[in-house]
N, C-alpha and C. Protein backbone atom coordinates (compact mmCIF):
# COMPACT_ATOMS: atom_id res chain seq x y z
N MET A 1 117.17 -36.61 13.01
CA MET A 1 117.36 -37.74 12.15
C MET A 1 118.85 -37.86 11.82
N GLU A 2 119.38 -39.04 11.99
CA GLU A 2 120.79 -39.25 11.69
C GLU A 2 120.89 -40.19 10.50
N ASN A 3 121.58 -39.76 9.46
CA ASN A 3 121.77 -40.64 8.31
C ASN A 3 123.26 -40.84 8.10
N LYS A 4 123.59 -41.88 7.35
CA LYS A 4 124.98 -42.22 7.14
C LYS A 4 125.43 -41.90 5.71
N ASN A 5 124.53 -41.43 4.88
CA ASN A 5 124.88 -41.10 3.50
C ASN A 5 125.49 -39.70 3.48
N ASN A 6 126.74 -39.61 3.11
CA ASN A 6 127.48 -38.35 3.13
C ASN A 6 127.38 -37.56 1.82
N ASN A 7 126.54 -38.04 0.90
CA ASN A 7 126.37 -37.34 -0.37
C ASN A 7 125.25 -36.31 -0.26
N ALA A 8 125.51 -35.14 -0.82
CA ALA A 8 124.52 -34.07 -0.80
C ALA A 8 124.11 -33.71 -2.22
N LEU A 9 122.90 -33.19 -2.32
CA LEU A 9 122.39 -32.66 -3.57
C LEU A 9 122.09 -31.18 -3.34
N VAL A 10 122.55 -30.35 -4.23
CA VAL A 10 122.27 -28.91 -4.18
C VAL A 10 121.22 -28.62 -5.24
N TYR A 11 120.12 -28.00 -4.83
CA TYR A 11 119.04 -27.68 -5.76
C TYR A 11 118.83 -26.17 -5.79
N ALA A 12 118.79 -25.62 -6.99
CA ALA A 12 118.58 -24.18 -7.17
C ALA A 12 117.48 -23.96 -8.20
N ARG A 13 116.71 -22.89 -7.99
CA ARG A 13 115.65 -22.56 -8.94
C ARG A 13 115.45 -21.06 -8.99
N VAL A 14 115.21 -20.57 -10.18
CA VAL A 14 114.75 -19.19 -10.36
C VAL A 14 113.42 -19.26 -11.09
N GLY A 15 112.54 -18.35 -10.73
CA GLY A 15 111.20 -18.38 -11.29
C GLY A 15 111.00 -17.44 -12.45
N THR A 16 111.50 -16.22 -12.31
CA THR A 16 111.23 -15.21 -13.33
C THR A 16 112.45 -14.34 -13.52
N GLY A 17 112.38 -13.46 -14.48
CA GLY A 17 113.45 -12.50 -14.72
C GLY A 17 113.65 -11.54 -13.57
N LYS A 18 112.67 -11.46 -12.66
CA LYS A 18 112.77 -10.56 -11.51
C LYS A 18 113.89 -10.99 -10.56
N GLN A 19 114.21 -12.27 -10.56
CA GLN A 19 115.19 -12.81 -9.62
C GLN A 19 116.57 -12.84 -10.26
N CYS A 20 117.03 -11.71 -10.71
CA CYS A 20 118.31 -11.67 -11.42
C CYS A 20 119.45 -11.15 -10.57
N GLY A 21 119.18 -10.81 -9.31
CA GLY A 21 120.25 -10.36 -8.42
C GLY A 21 121.25 -11.48 -8.17
N LYS A 22 122.46 -11.11 -7.85
CA LYS A 22 123.53 -12.10 -7.67
C LYS A 22 123.16 -13.18 -6.66
N SER A 23 122.57 -12.80 -5.54
CA SER A 23 122.27 -13.77 -4.49
C SER A 23 121.16 -14.73 -4.89
N GLU A 24 120.27 -14.33 -5.80
CA GLU A 24 119.18 -15.19 -6.20
C GLU A 24 119.43 -15.93 -7.51
N SER A 25 120.54 -15.67 -8.16
CA SER A 25 120.83 -16.36 -9.41
C SER A 25 121.09 -17.84 -9.14
N ILE A 26 120.94 -18.64 -10.17
CA ILE A 26 121.25 -20.07 -10.07
C ILE A 26 122.68 -20.25 -9.57
N VAL A 27 123.61 -19.53 -10.18
CA VAL A 27 125.02 -19.65 -9.80
C VAL A 27 125.22 -19.27 -8.34
N GLY A 28 124.60 -18.19 -7.90
CA GLY A 28 124.73 -17.76 -6.51
C GLY A 28 124.15 -18.76 -5.53
N GLN A 29 123.00 -19.33 -5.87
CA GLN A 29 122.37 -20.33 -5.01
C GLN A 29 123.25 -21.58 -4.90
N ILE A 30 123.73 -22.05 -6.04
CA ILE A 30 124.57 -23.26 -6.05
C ILE A 30 125.86 -23.01 -5.28
N ARG A 31 126.45 -21.86 -5.48
CA ARG A 31 127.71 -21.54 -4.81
C ARG A 31 127.53 -21.54 -3.28
N SER A 32 126.52 -20.83 -2.79
CA SER A 32 126.36 -20.74 -1.33
C SER A 32 125.95 -22.08 -0.72
N CYS A 33 125.10 -22.83 -1.41
CA CYS A 33 124.68 -24.14 -0.88
C CYS A 33 125.83 -25.14 -0.91
N SER A 34 126.62 -25.12 -1.98
CA SER A 34 127.77 -26.03 -2.08
C SER A 34 128.80 -25.73 -1.00
N LYS A 35 129.02 -24.45 -0.77
CA LYS A 35 129.97 -24.02 0.26
C LYS A 35 129.51 -24.52 1.64
N GLN A 36 128.21 -24.39 1.92
CA GLN A 36 127.68 -24.85 3.20
C GLN A 36 127.77 -26.37 3.32
N ALA A 37 127.47 -27.08 2.24
CA ALA A 37 127.55 -28.55 2.26
C ALA A 37 128.96 -29.01 2.60
N GLU A 38 129.94 -28.40 1.96
CA GLU A 38 131.33 -28.76 2.22
C GLU A 38 131.71 -28.43 3.66
N LYS A 39 131.24 -27.29 4.15
CA LYS A 39 131.49 -26.89 5.53
C LYS A 39 130.90 -27.92 6.51
N ASP A 40 129.74 -28.47 6.13
CA ASP A 40 129.06 -29.46 6.97
C ASP A 40 129.65 -30.86 6.82
N GLY A 41 130.63 -31.03 5.93
CA GLY A 41 131.28 -32.33 5.76
C GLY A 41 130.62 -33.24 4.74
N TYR A 42 129.77 -32.67 3.88
CA TYR A 42 129.12 -33.46 2.84
C TYR A 42 129.88 -33.36 1.53
N ILE A 43 129.74 -34.38 0.72
CA ILE A 43 130.28 -34.39 -0.64
C ILE A 43 129.12 -33.99 -1.55
N VAL A 44 129.31 -32.94 -2.33
CA VAL A 44 128.25 -32.51 -3.25
C VAL A 44 128.28 -33.44 -4.45
N ALA A 45 127.36 -34.40 -4.45
CA ALA A 45 127.30 -35.42 -5.49
C ALA A 45 126.51 -34.94 -6.71
N GLU A 46 125.55 -34.04 -6.48
CA GLU A 46 124.71 -33.55 -7.57
C GLU A 46 124.39 -32.08 -7.36
N LYS A 47 124.35 -31.36 -8.48
CA LYS A 47 123.91 -29.97 -8.50
C LYS A 47 122.83 -29.89 -9.57
N ILE A 48 121.64 -29.53 -9.15
CA ILE A 48 120.49 -29.49 -10.05
C ILE A 48 119.90 -28.09 -10.05
N SER A 49 119.58 -27.60 -11.23
CA SER A 49 118.95 -26.28 -11.32
C SER A 49 117.69 -26.36 -12.18
N ASP A 50 116.78 -25.48 -11.89
CA ASP A 50 115.51 -25.37 -12.60
C ASP A 50 115.19 -23.91 -12.83
N SER A 51 114.36 -23.66 -13.79
CA SER A 51 113.77 -22.34 -13.93
C SER A 51 112.28 -22.56 -14.16
N GLY A 52 111.48 -21.72 -13.58
CA GLY A 52 110.04 -21.87 -13.71
C GLY A 52 109.35 -21.69 -12.38
N SER A 53 108.05 -21.74 -12.43
CA SER A 53 107.22 -21.47 -11.27
C SER A 53 107.36 -22.55 -10.20
N ALA A 54 107.42 -22.12 -8.95
CA ALA A 54 107.46 -23.06 -7.82
C ALA A 54 106.08 -23.64 -7.55
N ASN A 55 105.06 -23.14 -8.24
CA ASN A 55 103.72 -23.70 -8.11
C ASN A 55 103.55 -24.95 -8.96
N ASN A 56 104.52 -25.22 -9.82
CA ASN A 56 104.48 -26.39 -10.70
C ASN A 56 105.51 -27.40 -10.23
N ILE A 57 105.06 -28.53 -9.72
CA ILE A 57 105.97 -29.56 -9.21
C ILE A 57 106.52 -30.42 -10.35
N ARG A 58 106.07 -30.21 -11.56
CA ARG A 58 106.51 -31.03 -12.69
C ARG A 58 107.74 -30.47 -13.39
N ARG A 59 108.62 -29.87 -12.65
CA ARG A 59 109.85 -29.34 -13.22
C ARG A 59 110.87 -30.46 -13.38
N LEU A 60 111.63 -30.43 -14.47
CA LEU A 60 112.59 -31.49 -14.77
C LEU A 60 113.62 -31.65 -13.65
N GLY A 61 114.17 -30.56 -13.17
CA GLY A 61 115.17 -30.64 -12.10
C GLY A 61 114.60 -31.23 -10.82
N LEU A 62 113.38 -30.85 -10.48
CA LEU A 62 112.76 -31.38 -9.27
C LEU A 62 112.50 -32.87 -9.42
N LYS A 63 112.13 -33.29 -10.62
CA LYS A 63 111.94 -34.73 -10.88
C LYS A 63 113.26 -35.49 -10.68
N LYS A 64 114.37 -34.89 -11.11
CA LYS A 64 115.69 -35.51 -10.90
C LYS A 64 116.01 -35.61 -9.42
N LEU A 65 115.70 -34.55 -8.67
CA LEU A 65 115.92 -34.56 -7.22
C LEU A 65 115.13 -35.70 -6.58
N ILE A 66 113.86 -35.80 -6.92
CA ILE A 66 112.99 -36.85 -6.37
C ILE A 66 113.54 -38.23 -6.71
N ASP A 67 114.01 -38.41 -7.93
CA ASP A 67 114.59 -39.68 -8.36
C ASP A 67 115.83 -40.03 -7.52
N SER A 68 116.68 -39.06 -7.27
CA SER A 68 117.88 -39.29 -6.46
C SER A 68 117.52 -39.67 -5.03
N VAL A 69 116.48 -39.04 -4.50
CA VAL A 69 116.02 -39.37 -3.14
C VAL A 69 115.50 -40.80 -3.12
N ARG A 70 114.65 -41.13 -4.07
CA ARG A 70 114.05 -42.48 -4.11
C ARG A 70 115.09 -43.58 -4.30
N LYS A 71 116.16 -43.27 -5.00
CA LYS A 71 117.23 -44.25 -5.24
C LYS A 71 118.29 -44.24 -4.14
N ASN A 72 118.02 -43.47 -3.08
CA ASN A 72 118.93 -43.39 -1.92
C ASN A 72 120.35 -42.99 -2.31
N LYS A 73 120.47 -42.09 -3.28
CA LYS A 73 121.79 -41.61 -3.72
C LYS A 73 122.34 -40.52 -2.81
N ILE A 74 121.47 -39.88 -2.03
CA ILE A 74 121.89 -38.72 -1.24
C ILE A 74 121.37 -38.82 0.19
N GLY A 75 122.04 -38.09 1.08
CA GLY A 75 121.61 -38.04 2.47
C GLY A 75 121.16 -36.65 2.90
N MET A 76 121.43 -35.65 2.04
CA MET A 76 121.10 -34.26 2.40
C MET A 76 120.78 -33.48 1.13
N VAL A 77 119.77 -32.62 1.23
CA VAL A 77 119.43 -31.69 0.15
C VAL A 77 119.66 -30.28 0.68
N TYR A 78 120.38 -29.48 -0.10
CA TYR A 78 120.64 -28.08 0.25
C TYR A 78 119.89 -27.18 -0.72
N VAL A 79 119.14 -26.22 -0.17
CA VAL A 79 118.47 -25.20 -0.96
C VAL A 79 118.63 -23.85 -0.27
N ARG A 80 118.51 -22.77 -1.03
CA ARG A 80 118.65 -21.42 -0.48
C ARG A 80 117.46 -21.06 0.39
N ASP A 81 116.28 -21.50 0.00
CA ASP A 81 115.05 -21.14 0.70
C ASP A 81 114.03 -22.23 0.40
N HIS A 82 113.12 -22.47 1.33
CA HIS A 82 112.12 -23.52 1.10
C HIS A 82 111.30 -23.27 -0.16
N SER A 83 111.13 -22.02 -0.54
CA SER A 83 110.34 -21.69 -1.73
C SER A 83 111.03 -22.12 -3.02
N ARG A 84 112.32 -22.44 -2.95
CA ARG A 84 113.01 -22.94 -4.15
C ARG A 84 112.45 -24.30 -4.53
N LEU A 85 112.02 -25.09 -3.54
CA LEU A 85 111.43 -26.40 -3.82
C LEU A 85 109.99 -26.26 -4.29
N SER A 86 109.17 -25.56 -3.52
CA SER A 86 107.77 -25.37 -3.89
C SER A 86 107.15 -24.26 -3.06
N ARG A 87 106.23 -23.54 -3.68
CA ARG A 87 105.45 -22.54 -2.96
C ARG A 87 104.07 -23.11 -2.60
N ASN A 88 103.78 -24.30 -3.08
CA ASN A 88 102.52 -24.97 -2.78
C ASN A 88 102.72 -25.80 -1.52
N LEU A 89 101.98 -25.50 -0.47
CA LEU A 89 102.17 -26.15 0.82
C LEU A 89 102.00 -27.66 0.73
N GLY A 90 100.99 -28.12 0.01
CA GLY A 90 100.76 -29.56 -0.13
C GLY A 90 101.93 -30.26 -0.80
N ASP A 91 102.44 -29.66 -1.88
CA ASP A 91 103.60 -30.24 -2.58
C ASP A 91 104.84 -30.23 -1.69
N TYR A 92 105.02 -29.14 -0.94
CA TYR A 92 106.18 -29.02 -0.05
C TYR A 92 106.14 -30.10 1.03
N VAL A 93 104.96 -30.30 1.62
CA VAL A 93 104.81 -31.33 2.65
C VAL A 93 105.05 -32.72 2.05
N SER A 94 104.57 -32.95 0.84
CA SER A 94 104.82 -34.24 0.17
C SER A 94 106.31 -34.48 -0.02
N LEU A 95 107.05 -33.44 -0.39
CA LEU A 95 108.50 -33.57 -0.54
C LEU A 95 109.15 -33.88 0.81
N LEU A 96 108.74 -33.18 1.85
CA LEU A 96 109.29 -33.44 3.19
C LEU A 96 109.01 -34.87 3.63
N ASN A 97 107.81 -35.37 3.34
CA ASN A 97 107.47 -36.75 3.68
C ASN A 97 108.34 -37.74 2.91
N LEU A 98 108.59 -37.46 1.63
CA LEU A 98 109.47 -38.31 0.83
C LEU A 98 110.88 -38.31 1.41
N PHE A 99 111.37 -37.14 1.76
CA PHE A 99 112.71 -37.05 2.37
C PHE A 99 112.76 -37.89 3.65
N ALA A 100 111.75 -37.76 4.50
CA ALA A 100 111.73 -38.50 5.77
C ALA A 100 111.70 -40.01 5.52
N LYS A 101 110.90 -40.43 4.57
CA LYS A 101 110.79 -41.86 4.25
C LYS A 101 112.14 -42.44 3.85
N HIS A 102 112.95 -41.65 3.16
CA HIS A 102 114.25 -42.12 2.66
C HIS A 102 115.42 -41.62 3.51
N GLU A 103 115.10 -41.06 4.68
CA GLU A 103 116.11 -40.57 5.63
C GLU A 103 117.04 -39.53 5.01
N VAL A 104 116.45 -38.64 4.24
CA VAL A 104 117.18 -37.53 3.62
C VAL A 104 116.84 -36.26 4.39
N GLU A 105 117.85 -35.53 4.77
CA GLU A 105 117.63 -34.28 5.50
C GLU A 105 117.59 -33.10 4.53
N LEU A 106 116.94 -32.04 4.95
CA LEU A 106 116.85 -30.81 4.17
C LEU A 106 117.54 -29.70 4.95
N ARG A 107 118.42 -28.99 4.27
CA ARG A 107 119.12 -27.86 4.91
C ARG A 107 118.83 -26.60 4.11
N ILE A 108 118.25 -25.63 4.78
CA ILE A 108 117.98 -24.33 4.18
C ILE A 108 119.19 -23.44 4.46
N VAL A 109 119.79 -22.92 3.41
CA VAL A 109 120.97 -22.07 3.54
C VAL A 109 120.52 -20.62 3.43
N LYS A 110 120.58 -19.92 4.52
CA LYS A 110 120.13 -18.53 4.55
C LYS A 110 121.12 -17.63 3.83
N LYS A 111 120.61 -16.53 3.32
CA LYS A 111 121.47 -15.53 2.68
C LYS A 111 122.38 -14.90 3.72
N ASN A 112 123.59 -14.58 3.30
CA ASN A 112 124.53 -13.92 4.21
C ASN A 112 124.41 -12.42 4.10
C-alpha cells in the first residue's frame, strides 16, 4: 500500500507494573518508534500513550488514535509490538481493517 500522507502517529501502551523495564516503558516505546519513524522519513505528528489492559479497546489513547485515522491526519502508525494495540484478535483485525480503509500503514518496531 502506498500512501502520500507523511505524518506518523506513535502509540505506546503499558498494561501493568510488570512492564517497568526500560525497553517496555512508555518513554522507551515512544523513543524507539519515533526514531524509526524519522529514519523512515515520516514526521511524527502525534505521540499517544495509554496504560491499561490490551483486552479493553475502550482506552482513551486508542480512541484518539482511531479518531486521527478516521480524520486522515496520519499515514503511518508506529508501535513497539502488535500487542500494544490489542491482545484481542477480533479488535486487532478491526483496527487493521480501519487502517486499510483509510490507507494508513502499521509499522511494528522490534526491540533492538
